[in-house]
Amino acid sequence: ISIEGTKINLLKSLPVDIKTIFKSKIIFSNLVLMPFILLSDLIFLISFKINILDIVFIILASILVPLLTSLLGLYINLLKPKMIFKNETEVVKQSIAVVISVYTGIFLLTISIGLLFIFNTNLNLVVILELLIYLLLIFMLIYLLKRKGEQKFKEITV
């Protein structure tokens, strides 16, 4: 949202539902990431002999993590937009939304490491729990975007 900058009012004036704007931003983000992630998965799976359960885990994680990232980025950006900037680098690298996103990623990594310590004998259980946490967060973010996202978008001013 912040990357729109001073053109946010133009986006708001379009005869397009706010949900459609959110969906397009999420879809675009995933269209940029997914081909590279899935290609990397394919190369990894061809290079190593992986059992079918691990293949399923890898594919699911490769779909859920970018989706979670795009939803989280959109929601945080709605909460802490930076609409005035000199160039796009400020928004992408120096906004509070980026800092919050990075620390959220570190927090999720810490949870994953904690799960590894707790269930160190059963790696499959750890992966299942991580995927369930990602799914829970995805559904929570979708709920928050539906519930509060439109209002936050309307409140953004330049």
Protein backbone atom coordinates (compact mmCIF):
# COMPACT_ATOMS: atom_id res chain seq x y z
CA ILE A 1 0.00 0.00 0.00
CA SER A 2 2.79 2.43 0.87
CA ILE A 3 4.41 2.00 -2.52
CA GLU A 4 1.37 3.78 -3.98
CA GLY A 5 2.56 6.92 -2.20
CA THR A 6 0.81 10.10 -3.22
CA LYS A 7 -1.12 8.17 -5.89
CA ILE A 8 -3.16 6.33 -3.23
CA ASN A 9 -6.10 8.65 -3.81
CA LEU A 10 -6.14 7.64 -7.47
CA LEU A 11 -6.30 4.00 -6.41
CA LYS A 12 -9.09 4.78 -3.95
CA SER A 13 -11.10 6.57 -6.66
CA LEU A 14 -11.13 3.57 -9.00
CA PRO A 15 -14.49 1.80 -9.35
CA VAL A 16 -12.95 -1.33 -7.82
CA ASP A 17 -13.87 -2.97 -4.54
CA ILE A 18 -11.19 -2.67 -1.84
CA LYS A 19 -11.21 -6.46 -1.42
CA THR A 20 -10.30 -6.74 -5.11
CA ILE A 21 -7.38 -4.35 -4.60
CA PHE A 22 -6.16 -6.45 -1.66
CA LYS A 23 -6.55 -9.70 -3.62
CA SER A 24 -4.64 -8.27 -6.58
CA LYS A 25 -1.76 -7.20 -4.35
CA ILE A 26 -1.60 -10.63 -2.70
CA ILE A 27 -1.85 -12.48 -6.02
CA PHE A 28 0.80 -10.29 -7.64
CA SER A 29 3.18 -10.81 -4.73
CA ASN A 30 2.73 -14.57 -4.99
CA LEU A 31 3.04 -14.58 -8.78
CA VAL A 32 6.42 -12.92 -8.42
CA LEU A 33 7.64 -15.35 -5.74
CA MET A 34 6.04 -18.71 -6.54
CA PRO A 35 7.76 -19.58 -9.83
CA PHE A 36 11.19 -19.20 -8.26
CA ILE A 37 10.22 -21.06 -5.10
CA LEU A 38 8.61 -23.95 -6.98
CA LEU A 39 11.50 -24.13 -9.44
CA SER A 40 13.90 -24.32 -6.50
CA ASP A 41 11.73 -27.04 -4.98
CA LEU A 42 11.80 -28.98 -8.23
CA ILE A 43 15.59 -28.75 -8.47
CA PHE A 44 15.91 -29.79 -4.82
CA LEU A 45 13.53 -32.73 -5.23
CA ILE A 46 15.29 -33.95 -8.37
CA SER A 47 18.73 -33.61 -6.77
CA PHE A 48 17.89 -35.54 -3.60
CA LYS A 49 15.88 -38.66 -2.96
CA ILE A 50 13.02 -37.36 -0.86
CA ASN A 51 10.16 -39.49 0.45
CA ILE A 52 6.62 -38.61 -0.54
CA LEU A 53 5.60 -37.18 2.85
CA ASP A 54 8.55 -34.77 2.83
CA ILE A 55 7.69 -33.75 -0.74
CA VAL A 56 4.18 -32.87 0.42
CA PHE A 57 5.60 -30.88 3.36
CA ILE A 58 8.00 -28.99 1.10
CA ILE A 59 5.30 -28.11 -1.44
CA LEU A 60 2.85 -27.03 1.29
CA ALA A 61 5.46 -24.86 2.99
CA SER A 62 6.41 -23.37 -0.37
CA ILE A 63 2.81 -22.31 -0.90
CA LEU A 64 1.89 -21.28 2.65
CA VAL A 65 4.95 -19.20 3.56
CA PRO A 66 4.73 -16.76 0.61
CA LEU A 67 0.97 -16.46 1.15
CA LEU A 68 1.54 -15.74 4.84
CA THR A 69 4.25 -13.23 3.97
CA SER A 70 2.09 -11.34 1.48
CA LEU A 71 -0.92 -11.24 3.83
CA LEU A 72 1.23 -10.13 6.75
CA GLY A 73 2.96 -7.48 4.65
CA LEU A 74 -0.36 -6.10 3.42
CA TYR A 75 -1.88 -6.00 6.90
CA ILE A 76 1.14 -4.39 8.54
CA ASN A 77 1.34 -1.88 5.71
CA LEU A 78 -2.29 -0.95 6.30
CA LEU A 79 -1.53 -0.41 9.98
CA LYS A 80 1.71 1.54 9.45
CA PRO A 81 1.73 3.05 5.95
CA LYS A 82 4.51 5.37 4.84
CA MET A 83 2.92 7.50 2.17
CA ILE A 84 5.41 10.36 1.91
CA PHE A 85 8.84 9.42 0.62
CA LYS A 86 11.54 10.65 -1.73
CA ASN A 87 12.06 7.31 -3.47
CA GLU A 88 10.68 3.77 -3.29
CA THR A 89 13.74 2.53 -1.41
CA GLU A 90 12.55 4.31 1.71
CA VAL A 91 9.29 2.35 1.65
CA VAL A 92 10.84 -0.99 0.81
CA LYS A 93 13.83 -0.85 3.16
CA GLN A 94 13.29 1.84 5.76
CA SER A 95 9.64 1.81 6.83
CA ILE A 96 8.36 0.61 10.18
CA ALA A 97 6.21 -1.97 8.34
CA VAL A 98 9.38 -3.64 7.04
CA VAL A 99 10.90 -3.71 10.52
CA ILE A 100 7.74 -5.29 11.95
CA SER A 101 7.67 -7.87 9.13
CA VAL A 102 11.31 -8.81 9.68
CA TYR A 103 10.86 -9.24 13.42
CA THR A 104 7.69 -11.27 12.85
CA GLY A 105 9.71 -13.58 10.60
CA ILE A 106 12.36 -13.90 13.30
CA PHE A 107 9.62 -14.68 15.83
CA LEU A 108 8.21 -17.43 13.60
CA LEU A 109 11.70 -18.87 13.17
CA THR A 110 12.12 -18.85 16.94
CA ILE A 111 8.85 -20.78 17.29
CA SER A 112 10.09 -23.31 14.74
CA ILE A 113 13.36 -23.78 16.61
CA GLY A 114 11.42 -24.10 19.88
CA LEU A 115 9.24 -26.80 18.35
CA LEU A 116 12.38 -28.63 17.23
CA PHE A 117 13.67 -28.63 20.80
CA ILE A 118 10.35 -29.74 22.25
CA PHE A 119 9.65 -32.51 19.72
CA ASN A 120 13.22 -33.32 18.69
CA THR A 121 12.47 -37.00 18.13
CA ASN A 122 9.64 -36.47 15.67
CA LEU A 123 10.55 -34.10 12.84
CA ASN A 124 7.31 -34.83 10.96
CA LEU A 125 5.29 -33.65 13.96
CA VAL A 126 7.32 -30.43 14.05
CA VAL A 127 6.68 -29.76 10.36
CA ILE A 128 2.96 -30.50 10.73
CA LEU A 129 2.75 -28.13 13.71
CA GLU A 130 4.60 -25.42 11.78
CA LEU A 131 2.27 -25.80 8.80
CA LEU A 132 -0.75 -25.65 11.11
CA ILE A 133 0.63 -22.47 12.72
CA TYR A 134 1.10 -20.95 9.26
CA LEU A 135 -2.46 -21.91 8.30
CA LEU A 136 -3.83 -20.45 11.53
CA LEU A 137 -1.94 -17.19 10.93
CA ILE A 138 -3.15 -17.06 7.32
CA PHE A 139 -6.78 -17.45 8.40
CA MET A 140 -6.30 -14.86 11.15
CA LEU A 141 -4.82 -12.37 8.68
CA ILE A 142 -7.60 -12.99 6.15
CA TYR A 143 -10.13 -12.38 8.92
CA LEU A 144 -8.35 -9.18 10.01
CA LEU A 145 -8.11 -7.91 6.45
CA LYS A 146 -11.81 -8.57 5.88
CA ARG A 147 -12.81 -7.14 9.24
CA LYS A 148 -10.48 -4.12 9.57
CA GLY A 149 -8.56 -3.85 6.31
CA GLU A 150 -11.13 -1.91 4.34
CA GLN A 151 -11.53 0.67 7.09
CA LYS A 152 -7.76 1.06 7.48
CA PHE A 153 -7.44 1.50 3.71
CA LYS A 154 -10.11 4.23 3.73
CA GLU A 155 -8.33 6.01 6.61
CA ILE A 156 -5.02 6.29 4.75
CA THR A 157 -4.30 9.86 3.71
CA VAL A 158 -1.36 11.52 2.05
